[in-house]
Structures are given as structure tokens and as C-alpha cells.
Amino acid sequence: MDNPISWIFLAFTVVGVGYVLFSIIFGELLDGVTDSEFGLLLAAAFSAGFGAFGLLGTLSGWSLPVTFIAAGAFGFAAGKSVQWVLRLLLRQQTLDSISNTDALIGLSGRVTIDSPAGKTGEAMLEGAPHITRSAVKEVSGAALKRGDLVQVVSAESGLLYVKKKNT
């Protein structure tokens, strides 16, 4: 590994694999800080795939442009694969917790946890068959404050989208 590019690809691999292992053991760092669904975990999967395939290319003697293109494609595929698996797991978990989220559309509730603009909060719904606390997000992206009265307008993958009601 006399080629400095090999060391760069090795660093990408170590950082990516290291973060994936870290998040499996300790949970995702800065959870909820990024706007994307699985932010840092997908970046780590891309980094691990990019680095591993790039290292393979440099050690195999591929030209640098071919190595970068192949590594980028493999990193992208690794990130998309992890995203697909995580969405599948999330969908299975949310299907068990609320059997039919569409039945909650139209119900009113009170926000129980403050959420900044564009982020997820929590509300307790009134009129459900049993007391239901659910993850909610304001449809217009506005902040929700504890005690706000909201109405469910849609549901997707266990997340309820609400709008503030006039009080």
C-alpha cells in the first residue's frame, strides 16, 4: 500500500464501518439532528462501500477514474441498500404499534412534547379506541408547543401529520 490513495480509501472504509458498528452498539449519534430519515448511518454506509471498493480498485491496479466511478457507484448502492433495510424495519415496527393509522385521520389531540419547526413531536389523541400517543409532525412545518390542539390530516409509516386547530 505505497499509494497514498489507498490510505485515503482505507480511511473511508474504517470511518464508515466504525460508525456503523458504533451506532449498532450505542445508537445513532446526533439522532434526529439531520433532516434525512437516517442521515449519518446512510453516510457511513456510503463511506464504507466507497472506501472498500476504492481500496479494492487501487490494490488491483485499476486506473484512478475507473476506481472513483466504481467506488462511488458501490457506495451509492450500499447506502441505498441500508436505507431500504432500515425503512423495512421501521415499517414493521410501526405496523405492530398501531394497527391502522388511517383510522386516526380526523381525530383531534393535544401536543405532549414540543417540537421545533419541521421536526417530529408527540401528541395524545382524543377519540381513539384507547389512549394513543403518537409521533406527529405539523404539515406546514411549523413548530408545535405542548398543549397545542391539533387534528390528524394524514398518516405515513406510523408518523401522523397534523395541523393546528383554531382554539
C-alpha atoms as a PDB file:
ATOM      1  CA  MET A   1       0.000   0.000   0.000  1.00  0.00           C
ATOM      2  CA  ASP A   2       2.571   2.552  -1.118  1.00  0.00           C
ATOM      3  CA  ASN A   3      -0.096   4.532  -2.984  1.00  0.00           C
ATOM      4  CA  PRO A   4      -1.455   7.410  -0.808  1.00  0.00           C
ATOM      5  CA  ILE A   5      -4.863   6.995  -2.487  1.00  0.00           C
ATOM      6  CA  SER A   6      -5.067   3.509  -0.936  1.00  0.00           C
ATOM      7  CA  TRP A   7      -4.703   5.052   2.517  1.00  0.00           C
ATOM      8  CA  ILE A   8      -7.494   7.523   1.763  1.00  0.00           C
ATOM      9  CA  PHE A   9      -9.822   4.717   0.681  1.00  0.00           C
ATOM     10  CA  LEU A  10      -8.810   2.728   3.784  1.00  0.00           C
ATOM     11  CA  ALA A  11      -9.695   5.731   5.962  1.00  0.00           C
ATOM     12  CA  PHE A  12     -13.150   5.961   4.303  1.00  0.00           C
ATOM     13  CA  THR A  13     -13.684   2.263   4.993  1.00  0.00           C
ATOM     14  CA  VAL A  14     -12.580   2.440   8.631  1.00  0.00           C
ATOM     15  CA  VAL A  15     -14.677   5.534   9.370  1.00  0.00           C
ATOM     16  CA  GLY A  16     -17.770   4.070   7.686  1.00  0.00           C
ATOM     17  CA  VAL A  17     -17.532   0.626   9.258  1.00  0.00           C
ATOM     18  CA  GLY A  18     -16.554   2.161  12.594  1.00  0.00           C
ATOM     19  CA  TYR A  19     -19.610   4.422  12.700  1.00  0.00           C
ATOM     20  CA  VAL A  20     -21.959   1.593  11.670  1.00  0.00           C
ATOM     21  CA  LEU A  21     -20.582  -0.578  14.497  1.00  0.00           C
ATOM     22  CA  PHE A  22     -20.747   2.361  16.912  1.00  0.00           C
ATOM     23  CA  SER A  23     -24.397   3.041  16.036  1.00  0.00           C
ATOM     24  CA  ILE A  24     -25.308  -0.641  16.408  1.00  0.00           C
ATOM     25  CA  ILE A  25     -23.761  -0.745  19.885  1.00  0.00           C
ATOM     26  CA  PHE A  26     -24.569   2.738  21.213  1.00  0.00           C
ATOM     27  CA  GLY A  27     -27.374   4.057  18.995  1.00  0.00           C
ATOM     28  CA  GLU A  28     -27.185   6.700  16.307  1.00  0.00           C
ATOM     29  CA  LEU A  29     -25.118   9.735  17.271  1.00  0.00           C
ATOM     30  CA  LEU A  30     -26.961  13.048  16.910  1.00  0.00           C
ATOM     31  CA  ASP A  31     -30.214  11.170  16.359  1.00  0.00           C
ATOM     32  CA  GLY A  32     -32.847  13.446  14.868  1.00  0.00           C
ATOM     33  CA  VAL A  33     -30.429  16.299  14.100  1.00  0.00           C
ATOM     34  CA  THR A  34     -30.320  15.727  10.345  1.00  0.00           C
ATOM     35  CA  ASP A  35     -33.297  16.299   8.080  1.00  0.00           C
ATOM     36  CA  SER A  36     -32.997  12.968   6.298  1.00  0.00           C
ATOM     37  CA  GLU A  37     -34.531   9.857   7.750  1.00  0.00           C
ATOM     38  CA  PHE A  38     -31.336   8.020   8.657  1.00  0.00           C
ATOM     39  CA  GLY A  39     -28.715  10.730   7.960  1.00  0.00           C
ATOM     40  CA  LEU A  40     -25.397   9.715   9.450  1.00  0.00           C
ATOM     41  CA  LEU A  41     -25.994   5.972   9.176  1.00  0.00           C
ATOM     42  CA  LEU A  42     -26.531   6.251   5.407  1.00  0.00           C
ATOM     43  CA  ALA A  43     -23.429   8.422   5.069  1.00  0.00           C
ATOM     44  CA  ALA A  44     -21.470   5.782   6.986  1.00  0.00           C
ATOM     45  CA  ALA A  45     -22.784   3.011   4.711  1.00  0.00           C
ATOM     46  CA  PHE A  46     -21.775   5.055   1.665  1.00  0.00           C
ATOM     47  CA  SER A  47     -18.348   5.733   3.175  1.00  0.00           C
ATOM     48  CA  ALA A  48     -17.758   2.055   3.962  1.00  0.00           C
ATOM     49  CA  GLY A  49     -18.818   0.925   0.482  1.00  0.00           C
ATOM     50  CA  PHE A  50     -16.931   3.710  -1.281  1.00  0.00           C
ATOM     51  CA  GLY A  51     -13.777   3.070   0.707  1.00  0.00           C
ATOM     52  CA  ALA A  52     -13.845  -0.717   0.407  1.00  0.00           C
ATOM     53  CA  PHE A  53     -14.436  -0.736  -3.334  1.00  0.00           C
ATOM     54  CA  GLY A  54     -11.938   2.085  -3.880  1.00  0.00           C
ATOM     55  CA  LEU A  55      -9.329   0.180  -1.896  1.00  0.00           C
ATOM     56  CA  LEU A  56     -10.038  -2.919  -3.975  1.00  0.00           C
ATOM     57  CA  GLY A  57      -9.610  -0.876  -7.164  1.00  0.00           C
ATOM     58  CA  THR A  58      -6.333   0.741  -6.151  1.00  0.00           C
ATOM     59  CA  LEU A  59      -4.850  -2.536  -4.914  1.00  0.00           C
ATOM     60  CA  SER A  60      -5.962  -4.244  -8.145  1.00  0.00           C
ATOM     61  CA  GLY A  61      -4.234  -1.600 -10.249  1.00  0.00           C
ATOM     62  CA  TRP A  62      -7.300  -0.013 -11.807  1.00  0.00           C
ATOM     63  CA  SER A  63      -6.948   3.480 -13.238  1.00  0.00           C
ATOM     64  CA  LEU A  64      -7.901   6.278 -10.854  1.00  0.00           C
ATOM     65  CA  PRO A  65     -11.019   7.468 -12.800  1.00  0.00           C
ATOM     66  CA  VAL A  66     -12.370   3.896 -13.061  1.00  0.00           C
ATOM     67  CA  THR A  67     -11.688   3.347  -9.359  1.00  0.00           C
ATOM     68  CA  PHE A  68     -13.517   6.548  -8.333  1.00  0.00           C
ATOM     69  CA  ILE A  69     -16.523   5.806 -10.545  1.00  0.00           C
ATOM     70  CA  ALA A  70     -16.790   2.193  -9.391  1.00  0.00           C
ATOM     71  CA  ALA A  71     -16.285   3.155  -5.733  1.00  0.00           C
ATOM     72  CA  GLY A  72     -18.905   5.904  -5.978  1.00  0.00           C
ATOM     73  CA  ALA A  73     -21.421   3.549  -7.579  1.00  0.00           C
ATOM     74  CA  PHE A  74     -20.771   0.858  -4.973  1.00  0.00           C
ATOM     75  CA  GLY A  75     -21.006   3.392  -2.131  1.00  0.00           C
ATOM     76  CA  PHE A  76     -24.304   4.692  -3.507  1.00  0.00           C
ATOM     77  CA  ALA A  77     -25.634   1.121  -3.789  1.00  0.00           C
ATOM     78  CA  ALA A  78     -24.519   0.374  -0.215  1.00  0.00           C
ATOM     79  CA  GLY A  79     -26.270   3.489   1.097  1.00  0.00           C
ATOM     80  CA  LYS A  80     -29.488   2.707  -0.791  1.00  0.00           C
ATOM     81  CA  SER A  81     -29.416  -0.903   0.433  1.00  0.00           C
ATOM     82  CA  VAL A  82     -29.056   0.186   4.052  1.00  0.00           C
ATOM     83  CA  GLN A  83     -31.843   2.752   3.578  1.00  0.00           C
ATOM     84  CA  TRP A  84     -34.135   0.062   2.160  1.00  0.00           C
ATOM     85  CA  VAL A  85     -33.410  -2.312   5.070  1.00  0.00           C
ATOM     86  CA  LEU A  86     -33.914   0.426   7.681  1.00  0.00           C
ATOM     87  CA  ARG A  87     -37.215   1.528   6.122  1.00  0.00           C
ATOM     88  CA  LEU A  88     -38.377  -2.096   6.064  1.00  0.00           C
ATOM     89  CA  LEU A  89     -37.515  -2.479   9.757  1.00  0.00           C
ATOM     90  CA  LEU A  90     -39.182   0.824  10.645  1.00  0.00           C
ATOM     91  CA  ARG A  91     -42.321  -0.127   8.729  1.00  0.00           C
ATOM     92  CA  GLN A  92     -42.527  -3.479  10.550  1.00  0.00           C
ATOM     93  CA  GLN A  93     -42.108  -1.813  13.937  1.00  0.00           C
ATOM     94  CA  THR A  94     -44.736   0.849  13.287  1.00  0.00           C
ATOM     95  CA  LEU A  95     -47.244  -1.620  11.854  1.00  0.00           C
ATOM     96  CA  ASP A  96     -47.174  -3.502  15.166  1.00  0.00           C
ATOM     97  CA  SER A  97     -47.634  -0.406  17.304  1.00  0.00           C
ATOM     98  CA  ILE A  98     -50.706   0.999  15.538  1.00  0.00           C
ATOM     99  CA  SER A  99     -52.752  -1.472  13.563  1.00  0.00           C
ATOM    100  CA  ASN A 100     -54.417   1.060  11.273  1.00  0.00           C
ATOM    101  CA  THR A 101     -53.075   4.594  11.277  1.00  0.00           C
ATOM    102  CA  ASP A 102     -55.607   5.603   8.614  1.00  0.00           C
ATOM    103  CA  ALA A 103     -58.318   5.167  11.263  1.00  0.00           C
ATOM    104  CA  LEU A 104     -56.692   8.009  13.223  1.00  0.00           C
ATOM    105  CA  ILE A 105     -57.179  10.569  10.432  1.00  0.00           C
ATOM    106  CA  GLY A 106     -59.623  13.247  11.547  1.00  0.00           C
ATOM    107  CA  LEU A 107     -59.031  12.719  15.274  1.00  0.00           C
ATOM    108  CA  SER A 108     -58.001  15.619  17.484  1.00  0.00           C
ATOM    109  CA  GLY A 109     -55.341  15.627  20.115  1.00  0.00           C
ATOM    110  CA  ARG A 110     -53.084  17.671  22.358  1.00  0.00           C
ATOM    111  CA  VAL A 111     -49.358  18.010  21.786  1.00  0.00           C
ATOM    112  CA  THR A 112     -47.421  16.461  24.684  1.00  0.00           C
ATOM    113  CA  ILE A 113     -43.851  17.160  23.513  1.00  0.00           C
ATOM    114  CA  ASP A 114     -42.611  20.410  21.984  1.00  0.00           C
ATOM    115  CA  SER A 115     -41.085  20.128  18.530  1.00  0.00           C
ATOM    116  CA  PRO A 116     -39.101  22.733  16.598  1.00  0.00           C
ATOM    117  CA  ALA A 117     -40.242  23.720  13.117  1.00  0.00           C
ATOM    118  CA  GLY A 118     -40.065  20.761  10.722  1.00  0.00           C
ATOM    119  CA  LYS A 119     -39.255  18.193  13.440  1.00  0.00           C
ATOM    120  CA  THR A 120     -41.263  15.373  14.994  1.00  0.00           C
ATOM    121  CA  GLY A 121     -43.149  15.779  18.278  1.00  0.00           C
ATOM    122  CA  GLU A 122     -45.771  13.762  20.125  1.00  0.00           C
ATOM    123  CA  ALA A 123     -49.498  14.132  20.711  1.00  0.00           C
ATOM    124  CA  MET A 124     -52.128  12.295  22.725  1.00  0.00           C
ATOM    125  CA  LEU A 125     -55.166  11.638  20.547  1.00  0.00           C
ATOM    126  CA  GLU A 126     -58.729  12.005  21.777  1.00  0.00           C
ATOM    127  CA  GLY A 127     -61.478   9.764  20.471  1.00  0.00           C
ATOM    128  CA  ALA A 128     -59.267   6.777  19.657  1.00  0.00           C
ATOM    129  CA  PRO A 129     -60.407   3.373  20.967  1.00  0.00           C
ATOM    130  CA  HIS A 130     -57.743   3.689  23.669  1.00  0.00           C
ATOM    131  CA  ILE A 131     -55.367   6.424  24.755  1.00  0.00           C
ATOM    132  CA  THR A 132     -52.970   6.842  21.858  1.00  0.00           C
ATOM    133  CA  ARG A 133     -49.712   8.724  21.983  1.00  0.00           C
ATOM    134  CA  SER A 134     -48.271   9.087  18.522  1.00  0.00           C
ATOM    135  CA  ALA A 135     -45.370  10.735  16.756  1.00  0.00           C
ATOM    136  CA  VAL A 136     -46.659  13.825  14.952  1.00  0.00           C
ATOM    137  CA  LYS A 137     -45.322  16.408  12.543  1.00  0.00           C
ATOM    138  CA  GLU A 138     -47.044  19.648  11.521  1.00  0.00           C
ATOM    139  CA  VAL A 139     -47.929  19.546   7.800  1.00  0.00           C
ATOM    140  CA  SER A 140     -46.785  23.097   7.107  1.00  0.00           C
ATOM    141  CA  GLY A 141     -43.532  22.530   9.010  1.00  0.00           C
ATOM    142  CA  ALA A 142     -44.496  24.877  11.863  1.00  0.00           C
ATOM    143  CA  ALA A 143     -43.291  24.326  15.420  1.00  0.00           C
ATOM    144  CA  LEU A 144     -45.621  22.563  17.855  1.00  0.00           C
ATOM    145  CA  LYS A 145     -45.818  23.578  21.515  1.00  0.00           C
ATOM    146  CA  ARG A 146     -47.005  21.441  24.401  1.00  0.00           C
ATOM    147  CA  GLY A 147     -50.751  21.884  24.817  1.00  0.00           C
ATOM    148  CA  ASP A 148     -51.466  22.874  21.189  1.00  0.00           C
ATOM    149  CA  LEU A 149     -54.691  21.375  19.852  1.00  0.00           C
ATOM    150  CA  VAL A 150     -54.077  19.524  16.573  1.00  0.00           C
ATOM    151  CA  GLN A 151     -56.032  17.419  14.087  1.00  0.00           C
ATOM    152  CA  VAL A 152     -54.632  14.442  12.167  1.00  0.00           C
ATOM    153  CA  VAL A 153     -54.776  15.038   8.401  1.00  0.00           C
ATOM    154  CA  SER A 154     -52.677  12.125   7.091  1.00  0.00           C
ATOM    155  CA  ALA A 155     -50.512   9.209   8.183  1.00  0.00           C
ATOM    156  CA  GLU A 156     -47.428   7.603   6.674  1.00  0.00           C
ATOM    157  CA  SER A 157     -45.238   4.812   8.117  1.00  0.00           C
ATOM    158  CA  GLY A 158     -46.562   5.365  11.627  1.00  0.00           C
ATOM    159  CA  LEU A 159     -45.976   9.134  11.590  1.00  0.00           C
ATOM    160  CA  LEU A 160     -49.102  11.278  11.840  1.00  0.00           C
ATOM    161  CA  TYR A 161     -49.179  14.595  10.002  1.00  0.00           C
ATOM    162  CA  VAL A 162     -51.264  17.173  11.854  1.00  0.00           C
ATOM    163  CA  LYS A 163     -52.449  20.735  11.525  1.00  0.00           C
ATOM    164  CA  LYS A 164     -53.047  23.147  14.371  1.00  0.00           C
ATOM    165  CA  LYS A 165     -56.690  23.742  15.181  1.00  0.00           C
ATOM    166  CA  ASN A 166     -58.009  27.195  15.969  1.00  0.00           C
ATOM    167  CA  THR A 167     -58.847  27.344  19.669  1.00  0.00           C
END
